[in-house]
């Protein structure tokens, strides 16, 4: 399993993004392995609708319904861990979505994150691993 961050989906959609080709290929090849917290669904939808319009947002939502990516709901323990991470990394301005990715990764024992956000995910130290493996 691979936890996926928002930027991967946006870059895969945006042909003007400098990471487009890499992300589009990665999503096409590995999407069945993706797990995303529901917080990522909301952020992806917001960014896709704002940039590309409702039809692209709806297309992403249909992929979620089809199970690619799989969506993981946050439990109360995840919200608590997310709050701890937001506090612990206040200087980094980690934010709720990235902190929720870390919380879900810890709970599901996933060490691989599909992200373009090297800044946050190279700094954060998860409880379950020495560090995250970042792809692509």
Protein backbone atom coordinates (compact mmCIF):
# COMPACT_ATOMS: atom_id res chain seq x y z
CA UNK A 1 0.00 0.00 0.00
CA UNK A 2 1.04 3.56 -0.74
CA UNK A 3 -0.43 6.58 1.01
CA UNK A 4 -0.97 9.32 -1.55
CA UNK A 5 -0.90 13.07 -1.05
CA UNK A 6 -2.90 15.70 -2.93
CA UNK A 7 -0.11 16.96 -5.17
CA UNK A 8 0.28 13.64 -6.98
CA UNK A 9 -3.31 13.74 -8.26
CA UNK A 10 -3.20 17.42 -9.18
CA UNK A 11 0.10 17.08 -11.05
CA UNK A 12 -1.16 13.96 -12.84
CA UNK A 13 -4.13 16.00 -14.08
CA UNK A 14 -2.33 19.27 -14.91
CA UNK A 15 -0.41 18.99 -18.17
CA UNK A 16 1.30 22.32 -17.36
CA UNK A 17 2.74 21.00 -14.09
CA UNK A 18 6.48 20.27 -14.26
CA UNK A 19 5.83 16.89 -12.57
CA UNK A 20 2.92 15.98 -14.83
CA UNK A 21 4.47 13.19 -16.89
CA UNK A 22 6.10 11.53 -13.91
CA UNK A 23 2.96 11.72 -11.76
CA UNK A 24 0.56 10.71 -14.54
CA UNK A 25 2.66 7.62 -15.25
CA UNK A 26 3.00 6.81 -11.55
CA UNK A 27 -0.74 7.16 -10.92
CA UNK A 28 -1.55 5.04 -13.98
CA UNK A 29 0.87 2.29 -12.91
CA UNK A 30 0.28 2.21 -9.16
CA UNK A 31 -3.17 3.72 -8.44
CA UNK A 32 -4.59 0.40 -7.27
CA UNK A 33 -2.09 0.49 -4.39
CA UNK A 34 -3.11 3.99 -3.25
CA UNK A 35 -4.78 4.68 0.06
CA UNK A 36 -5.77 8.24 0.94
CA UNK A 37 -7.29 9.74 4.06
CA UNK A 38 -10.64 11.35 3.37
CA UNK A 39 -8.94 14.69 4.06
CA UNK A 40 -6.98 14.24 0.83
CA UNK A 41 -10.21 13.60 -1.10
CA UNK A 42 -11.53 16.98 0.03
CA UNK A 43 -8.30 18.81 -0.80
CA UNK A 44 -7.93 17.16 -4.22
CA UNK A 45 -11.55 17.97 -5.09
CA UNK A 46 -11.13 21.58 -4.03
CA UNK A 47 -7.98 22.00 -6.12
CA UNK A 48 -9.32 20.18 -9.18
CA UNK A 49 -12.60 22.11 -9.19
CA UNK A 50 -10.83 25.42 -8.71
CA UNK A 51 -8.28 24.76 -11.46
CA UNK A 52 -10.11 22.56 -13.98
CA UNK A 53 -13.82 22.78 -13.16
CA UNK A 54 -16.58 20.53 -11.88
CA UNK A 55 -16.28 17.81 -14.54
CA UNK A 56 -12.67 17.04 -13.56
CA UNK A 57 -13.61 17.05 -9.89
CA UNK A 58 -16.49 14.64 -10.64
CA UNK A 59 -14.12 12.37 -12.58
CA UNK A 60 -11.85 12.14 -9.53
CA UNK A 61 -14.85 11.38 -7.31
CA UNK A 62 -15.89 8.57 -9.66
CA UNK A 63 -12.40 7.06 -9.32
CA UNK A 64 -12.86 7.15 -5.54
CA UNK A 65 -16.20 5.35 -5.87
CA UNK A 66 -14.48 2.75 -8.05
CA UNK A 67 -11.91 2.17 -5.28
CA UNK A 68 -8.89 3.71 -6.96
CA UNK A 69 -7.70 5.22 -4.66
CA UNK A 70 -9.06 3.54 -1.55
CA UNK A 71 -10.26 6.05 1.04
CA UNK A 72 -9.45 5.67 4.72
CA UNK A 73 -11.69 7.43 7.22
CA UNK A 74 -10.12 9.13 10.20
CA UNK A 75 -10.99 7.81 13.61
CA UNK A 76 -10.83 9.81 16.82
CA UNK A 77 -7.31 8.47 17.49
CA UNK A 78 -6.25 9.79 14.08
CA UNK A 79 -7.65 13.25 14.87
CA UNK A 80 -5.79 13.22 18.18
CA UNK A 81 -2.54 12.19 16.49
CA UNK A 82 -3.13 14.81 13.78
CA UNK A 83 -3.47 17.49 16.47
CA UNK A 84 -0.26 16.26 18.15
CA UNK A 85 1.60 16.46 14.84
CA UNK A 86 0.26 19.94 14.05
CA UNK A 87 1.49 21.06 17.49
CA UNK A 88 4.83 19.25 17.27
CA UNK A 89 5.62 20.63 13.83
CA UNK A 90 4.16 24.11 14.35
CA UNK A 91 7.29 25.76 12.93
CA UNK A 92 6.85 23.69 9.77
CA UNK A 93 3.16 24.62 9.43
CA UNK A 94 2.48 20.95 8.68
CA UNK A 95 -1.28 21.41 8.41
CA UNK A 96 -4.17 19.08 8.96
CA UNK A 97 -4.08 17.22 5.66
CA UNK A 98 -0.38 16.32 5.81
CA UNK A 99 -0.62 15.51 9.51
CA UNK A 100 -3.58 13.21 8.80
CA UNK A 101 -1.50 11.39 6.19
CA UNK A 102 1.15 10.75 8.83
CA UNK A 103 -1.46 9.61 11.38
CA UNK A 104 -3.03 7.16 8.93
CA UNK A 105 0.40 5.92 7.82
CA UNK A 106 1.27 5.17 11.43
CA UNK A 107 -2.02 3.38 12.11
CA UNK A 108 -1.86 1.27 8.94
CA UNK A 109 1.92 0.72 9.21
CA UNK A 110 2.57 2.24 5.76
CA UNK A 111 5.98 3.79 5.17
CA UNK A 112 5.65 4.77 1.50
CA UNK A 113 4.06 8.09 0.60
CA UNK A 114 3.38 9.28 -2.95
CA UNK A 115 4.01 12.99 -2.67
CA UNK A 116 5.71 15.96 -4.24
CA UNK A 117 5.96 17.54 -0.78
CA UNK A 118 9.51 16.65 0.13
CA UNK A 119 9.72 19.55 2.61
CA UNK A 120 7.21 18.18 5.13
CA UNK A 121 7.58 14.44 4.70
CA UNK A 122 11.39 14.41 4.99
CA UNK A 123 11.21 16.34 8.27
CA UNK A 124 8.36 14.53 10.04
CA UNK A 125 9.46 11.45 11.97
CA UNK A 126 6.72 8.83 12.10
CA UNK A 127 6.30 6.57 15.13
CA UNK A 128 6.37 3.35 13.11
CA UNK A 129 9.43 3.91 10.91
CA UNK A 130 12.71 5.77 10.94
CA UNK A 131 11.54 7.83 7.98
CA UNK A 132 9.11 7.74 5.08
CA UNK A 133 10.00 6.41 1.66
CA UNK A 134 8.84 9.10 -0.75
CA UNK A 135 7.79 8.27 -4.30
CA UNK A 136 7.77 8.86 -7.23
